[in-house]
Amino acid sequence: MLLHAARGFGLYLYRDPARKLDPVLRELAQTRAGWARGSQFVYSQHCKSLRGLGVSEARIAAVAAWTVSDQFDARERAVLAYADALVLNGGRVADGLFEALRAELDDEQILELTYITCLYDMHAVMSRALRLEFDDRPEPVVEVAAPEGFAARDFMDTARPETGTRLV
């Protein structure tokens, strides 16, 4: 399985002249896939790859909140939105988003982007599932313990206007 995965990396690691997708766009999508999937390993590795391609620290930091960032142009925003659709929406891509992507990339570039982003989404899922490297960490979202002496109850019972009580 590792050999199969390593062959997948060969799709772009050896600077194949047949590749059409700009490496920065590829790495933006992979970095976003790692962040969106919650894989510290994939996110971290591709932040480093972006740095290696000369992408600024401000742009790398903005990947996490790209939707409200002014760090990306229309082409990069279309790629980041597409990566979100692939990872967060399970590949469900709105027609308007796909039209925006097609305005920026040709069919071969879109196919490369789709394959590579989905490949790294899979890597992120596997890294988390197997708790490999940087993904061998406790679950970040857990219940916070109740204060000492807390008694469970229906909080909405204390917010009934007809009784004059309020939640506070």
C-alpha atoms as a PDB file:
ATOM      1  CA  MET A   1       0.000   0.000   0.000  1.00  0.00           C
ATOM      2  CA  LEU A   2       2.840   2.362   0.798  1.00  0.00           C
ATOM      3  CA  LEU A   3       4.416   1.664  -2.594  1.00  0.00           C
ATOM      4  CA  HIS A   4       1.097   2.405  -4.305  1.00  0.00           C
ATOM      5  CA  ALA A   5       0.785   5.685  -2.373  1.00  0.00           C
ATOM      6  CA  ALA A   6       4.381   6.650  -3.179  1.00  0.00           C
ATOM      7  CA  ARG A   7       3.709   6.080  -6.875  1.00  0.00           C
ATOM      8  CA  GLY A   8       0.819   8.528  -6.571  1.00  0.00           C
ATOM      9  CA  PHE A   9       3.271  11.169  -5.333  1.00  0.00           C
ATOM     10  CA  GLY A  10       5.255  10.611  -8.520  1.00  0.00           C
ATOM     11  CA  LEU A  11       2.423  12.240 -10.428  1.00  0.00           C
ATOM     12  CA  TYR A  12       3.965  15.589  -9.634  1.00  0.00           C
ATOM     13  CA  LEU A  13       7.100  15.186  -7.550  1.00  0.00           C
ATOM     14  CA  TYR A  14       9.408  14.537 -10.458  1.00  0.00           C
ATOM     15  CA  ARG A  15       8.448  17.697 -12.332  1.00  0.00           C
ATOM     16  CA  ASP A  16       6.708  15.757 -15.060  1.00  0.00           C
ATOM     17  CA  PRO A  17       6.432  18.139 -18.031  1.00  0.00           C
ATOM     18  CA  ALA A  18       3.011  16.650 -18.783  1.00  0.00           C
ATOM     19  CA  ARG A  19       1.631  18.250 -15.615  1.00  0.00           C
ATOM     20  CA  LYS A  20      -0.337  21.390 -16.358  1.00  0.00           C
ATOM     21  CA  LEU A  21      -1.384  22.564 -12.890  1.00  0.00           C
ATOM     22  CA  ASP A  22       0.602  25.384 -11.300  1.00  0.00           C
ATOM     23  CA  PRO A  23       2.413  23.879  -8.264  1.00  0.00           C
ATOM     24  CA  VAL A  24       1.252  26.736  -6.007  1.00  0.00           C
ATOM     25  CA  LEU A  25      -2.378  25.988  -6.851  1.00  0.00           C
ATOM     26  CA  ARG A  26      -1.763  22.284  -6.211  1.00  0.00           C
ATOM     27  CA  GLU A  27      -0.175  22.996  -2.823  1.00  0.00           C
ATOM     28  CA  LEU A  28      -2.866  25.488  -1.821  1.00  0.00           C
ATOM     29  CA  ALA A  29      -5.475  22.789  -2.416  1.00  0.00           C
ATOM     30  CA  GLN A  30      -3.477  20.141  -0.548  1.00  0.00           C
ATOM     31  CA  THR A  31      -2.846  22.467   2.390  1.00  0.00           C
ATOM     32  CA  ARG A  32      -6.522  23.377   2.527  1.00  0.00           C
ATOM     33  CA  ALA A  33      -7.503  19.694   2.337  1.00  0.00           C
ATOM     34  CA  GLY A  34      -5.298  18.963   5.348  1.00  0.00           C
ATOM     35  CA  TRP A  35      -6.754  21.867   7.292  1.00  0.00           C
ATOM     36  CA  ALA A  36     -10.364  21.112   6.320  1.00  0.00           C
ATOM     37  CA  ARG A  37     -10.017  17.425   7.160  1.00  0.00           C
ATOM     38  CA  GLY A  38      -8.320  18.259  10.451  1.00  0.00           C
ATOM     39  CA  SER A  39      -5.066  16.479   9.666  1.00  0.00           C
ATOM     40  CA  GLN A  40      -2.209  18.271  11.331  1.00  0.00           C
ATOM     41  CA  PHE A  41       0.216  16.080   9.365  1.00  0.00           C
ATOM     42  CA  VAL A  42      -1.111  16.886   5.863  1.00  0.00           C
ATOM     43  CA  TYR A  43      -1.631  20.556   6.715  1.00  0.00           C
ATOM     44  CA  SER A  44       1.877  20.908   8.168  1.00  0.00           C
ATOM     45  CA  GLN A  45       3.618  19.107   5.315  1.00  0.00           C
ATOM     46  CA  HIS A  46       1.968  21.246   2.668  1.00  0.00           C
ATOM     47  CA  CYS A  47       2.560  24.508   4.526  1.00  0.00           C
ATOM     48  CA  LYS A  48       6.228  23.572   4.171  1.00  0.00           C
ATOM     49  CA  SER A  49       5.740  22.824   0.475  1.00  0.00           C
ATOM     50  CA  LEU A  50       4.132  26.236  -0.046  1.00  0.00           C
ATOM     51  CA  ARG A  51       7.112  27.837   1.697  1.00  0.00           C
ATOM     52  CA  GLY A  52       9.412  25.904  -0.629  1.00  0.00           C
ATOM     53  CA  LEU A  53       7.556  27.409  -3.585  1.00  0.00           C
ATOM     54  CA  GLY A  54       8.153  30.911  -2.230  1.00  0.00           C
ATOM     55  CA  VAL A  55       4.648  31.549  -0.862  1.00  0.00           C
ATOM     56  CA  SER A  56       4.672  34.178   1.903  1.00  0.00           C
ATOM     57  CA  GLU A  57       3.964  33.409   5.536  1.00  0.00           C
ATOM     58  CA  ALA A  58       0.921  35.690   5.416  1.00  0.00           C
ATOM     59  CA  ARG A  59      -0.582  33.707   2.532  1.00  0.00           C
ATOM     60  CA  ILE A  60       0.177  30.377   4.205  1.00  0.00           C
ATOM     61  CA  ALA A  61      -1.456  31.535   7.447  1.00  0.00           C
ATOM     62  CA  ALA A  62      -4.488  32.755   5.481  1.00  0.00           C
ATOM     63  CA  VAL A  63      -5.292  29.276   4.104  1.00  0.00           C
ATOM     64  CA  ALA A  64      -7.239  28.466   7.281  1.00  0.00           C
ATOM     65  CA  ALA A  65      -9.586  31.447   6.792  1.00  0.00           C
ATOM     66  CA  TRP A  66      -9.227  31.978   3.064  1.00  0.00           C
ATOM     67  CA  THR A  67     -12.876  33.009   2.607  1.00  0.00           C
ATOM     68  CA  VAL A  68     -12.311  36.286   4.471  1.00  0.00           C
ATOM     69  CA  SER A  69      -8.727  36.870   3.380  1.00  0.00           C
ATOM     70  CA  ASP A  70      -7.478  39.344   0.800  1.00  0.00           C
ATOM     71  CA  GLN A  71      -4.348  37.231   0.243  1.00  0.00           C
ATOM     72  CA  PHE A  72      -5.689  35.263  -2.731  1.00  0.00           C
ATOM     73  CA  ASP A  73      -6.608  36.186  -6.295  1.00  0.00           C
ATOM     74  CA  ALA A  74      -9.692  34.929  -8.156  1.00  0.00           C
ATOM     75  CA  ARG A  75      -7.895  31.857  -9.492  1.00  0.00           C
ATOM     76  CA  GLU A  76      -6.599  30.835  -6.060  1.00  0.00           C
ATOM     77  CA  ARG A  77      -9.987  31.492  -4.451  1.00  0.00           C
ATOM     78  CA  ALA A  78     -11.666  29.230  -7.005  1.00  0.00           C
ATOM     79  CA  VAL A  79      -9.108  26.493  -6.222  1.00  0.00           C
ATOM     80  CA  LEU A  80      -9.556  26.864  -2.462  1.00  0.00           C
ATOM     81  CA  ALA A  81     -13.355  26.817  -2.788  1.00  0.00           C
ATOM     82  CA  TYR A  82     -13.109  23.713  -4.964  1.00  0.00           C
ATOM     83  CA  ALA A  83     -10.863  22.022  -2.384  1.00  0.00           C
ATOM     84  CA  ASP A  84     -13.484  22.778   0.262  1.00  0.00           C
ATOM     85  CA  ALA A  85     -16.216  21.293  -1.927  1.00  0.00           C
ATOM     86  CA  LEU A  86     -14.179  18.144  -2.469  1.00  0.00           C
ATOM     87  CA  VAL A  87     -13.276  17.687   1.198  1.00  0.00           C
ATOM     88  CA  LEU A  88     -16.125  19.231   3.167  1.00  0.00           C
ATOM     89  CA  ASN A  89     -18.971  18.493   0.739  1.00  0.00           C
ATOM     90  CA  GLY A  90     -17.811  15.051  -0.332  1.00  0.00           C
ATOM     91  CA  GLY A  91     -17.260  16.255  -3.891  1.00  0.00           C
ATOM     92  CA  ARG A  92     -20.570  18.063  -4.261  1.00  0.00           C
ATOM     93  CA  VAL A  93     -19.599  21.145  -6.267  1.00  0.00           C
ATOM     94  CA  ALA A  94     -22.081  23.947  -6.894  1.00  0.00           C
ATOM     95  CA  ASP A  95     -22.560  24.821 -10.554  1.00  0.00           C
ATOM     96  CA  GLY A  96     -21.438  28.424 -10.000  1.00  0.00           C
ATOM     97  CA  LEU A  97     -18.240  27.269  -8.322  1.00  0.00           C
ATOM     98  CA  PHE A  98     -17.443  24.868 -11.137  1.00  0.00           C
ATOM     99  CA  GLU A  99     -18.079  27.628 -13.691  1.00  0.00           C
ATOM    100  CA  ALA A 100     -15.678  29.920 -11.785  1.00  0.00           C
ATOM    101  CA  LEU A 101     -13.066  27.151 -11.721  1.00  0.00           C
ATOM    102  CA  ARG A 102     -13.481  26.491 -15.465  1.00  0.00           C
ATOM    103  CA  ALA A 103     -12.970  30.199 -16.115  1.00  0.00           C
ATOM    104  CA  GLU A 104      -9.527  29.856 -14.480  1.00  0.00           C
ATOM    105  CA  LEU A 105      -8.368  26.320 -15.376  1.00  0.00           C
ATOM    106  CA  ASP A 106      -8.677  24.024 -18.355  1.00  0.00           C
ATOM    107  CA  ASP A 107     -10.110  20.482 -18.171  1.00  0.00           C
ATOM    108  CA  GLU A 108      -6.734  18.791 -17.671  1.00  0.00           C
ATOM    109  CA  GLN A 109      -5.796  21.169 -14.860  1.00  0.00           C
ATOM    110  CA  ILE A 110      -9.153  20.559 -13.173  1.00  0.00           C
ATOM    111  CA  LEU A 111      -8.653  16.791 -13.438  1.00  0.00           C
ATOM    112  CA  GLU A 112      -5.159  17.066 -11.902  1.00  0.00           C
ATOM    113  CA  LEU A 113      -6.476  19.337  -9.152  1.00  0.00           C
ATOM    114  CA  THR A 114      -9.358  16.983  -8.397  1.00  0.00           C
ATOM    115  CA  TYR A 115      -7.189  13.860  -8.299  1.00  0.00           C
ATOM    116  CA  ILE A 116      -4.429  15.370  -6.170  1.00  0.00           C
ATOM    117  CA  THR A 117      -6.796  17.077  -3.722  1.00  0.00           C
ATOM    118  CA  CYS A 118      -8.831  13.894  -3.258  1.00  0.00           C
ATOM    119  CA  LEU A 119      -5.608  11.883  -2.867  1.00  0.00           C
ATOM    120  CA  TYR A 120      -4.507  14.162  -0.035  1.00  0.00           C
ATOM    121  CA  ASP A 121      -7.954  14.127   1.520  1.00  0.00           C
ATOM    122  CA  MET A 122      -7.553  10.339   1.668  1.00  0.00           C
ATOM    123  CA  HIS A 123      -4.058  10.718   3.150  1.00  0.00           C
ATOM    124  CA  ALA A 124      -5.474  13.078   5.779  1.00  0.00           C
ATOM    125  CA  VAL A 125      -8.239  10.641   6.707  1.00  0.00           C
ATOM    126  CA  MET A 126      -5.802   7.732   6.928  1.00  0.00           C
ATOM    127  CA  SER A 127      -3.278   9.727   8.949  1.00  0.00           C
ATOM    128  CA  ARG A 128      -5.974  10.635  11.465  1.00  0.00           C
ATOM    129  CA  ALA A 129      -7.485   7.154  11.574  1.00  0.00           C
ATOM    130  CA  LEU A 130      -4.129   5.465  12.141  1.00  0.00           C
ATOM    131  CA  ARG A 131      -2.838   8.327  14.325  1.00  0.00           C
ATOM    132  CA  LEU A 132       0.326   8.665  12.322  1.00  0.00           C
ATOM    133  CA  GLU A 133       3.006  11.251  13.089  1.00  0.00           C
ATOM    134  CA  PHE A 134       1.461  14.657  13.866  1.00  0.00           C
ATOM    135  CA  ASP A 135      -2.044  13.181  13.919  1.00  0.00           C
ATOM    136  CA  ASP A 136      -1.202  10.996  16.925  1.00  0.00           C
ATOM    137  CA  ARG A 137      -2.831  13.395  19.353  1.00  0.00           C
ATOM    138  CA  PRO A 138      -5.876  13.541  21.580  1.00  0.00           C
ATOM    139  CA  GLU A 139      -9.208  14.493  20.063  1.00  0.00           C
ATOM    140  CA  PRO A 140      -9.277  18.325  20.084  1.00  0.00           C
ATOM    141  CA  VAL A 141     -13.036  18.583  20.698  1.00  0.00           C
ATOM    142  CA  VAL A 142     -14.107  17.059  23.990  1.00  0.00           C
ATOM    143  CA  GLU A 143     -16.750  17.873  26.580  1.00  0.00           C
ATOM    144  CA  VAL A 144     -15.609  20.374  29.192  1.00  0.00           C
ATOM    145  CA  ALA A 145     -16.218  19.077  32.702  1.00  0.00           C
ATOM    146  CA  ALA A 146     -19.098  20.645  34.625  1.00  0.00           C
ATOM    147  CA  PRO A 147     -18.290  22.857  37.595  1.00  0.00           C
ATOM    148  CA  GLU A 148     -18.176  21.293  41.050  1.00  0.00           C
ATOM    149  CA  GLY A 149     -21.694  20.769  42.405  1.00  0.00           C
ATOM    150  CA  PHE A 150     -23.394  21.182  39.043  1.00  0.00           C
ATOM    151  CA  ALA A 151     -26.773  19.433  38.746  1.00  0.00           C
ATOM    152  CA  ALA A 152     -28.000  18.493  35.287  1.00  0.00           C
ATOM    153  CA  ARG A 153     -31.336  20.038  34.327  1.00  0.00           C
ATOM    154  CA  ASP A 154     -33.219  21.406  31.378  1.00  0.00           C
ATOM    155  CA  PHE A 155     -31.850  24.943  31.052  1.00  0.00           C
ATOM    156  CA  MET A 156     -34.833  26.013  29.003  1.00  0.00           C
ATOM    157  CA  ASP A 157     -37.050  25.538  32.059  1.00  0.00           C
ATOM    158  CA  THR A 158     -35.345  28.576  33.586  1.00  0.00           C
ATOM    159  CA  ALA A 159     -36.049  30.784  30.585  1.00  0.00           C
ATOM    160  CA  ARG A 160     -39.854  30.759  30.529  1.00  0.00           C
ATOM    161  CA  PRO A 161     -41.318  34.230  30.067  1.00  0.00           C
ATOM    162  CA  GLU A 162     -44.654  33.158  31.580  1.00  0.00           C
ATOM    163  CA  THR A 163     -42.971  32.439  34.927  1.00  0.00           C
ATOM    164  CA  GLY A 164     -40.927  35.633  34.949  1.00  0.00           C
ATOM    165  CA  THR A 165     -37.701  33.649  35.212  1.00  0.00           C
ATOM    166  CA  ARG A 166     -34.786  34.065  32.891  1.00  0.00           C
ATOM    167  CA  LEU A 167     -31.634  32.221  32.027  1.00  0.00           C
ATOM    168  CA  VAL A 168     -28.689  33.854  33.776  1.00  0.00           C
END
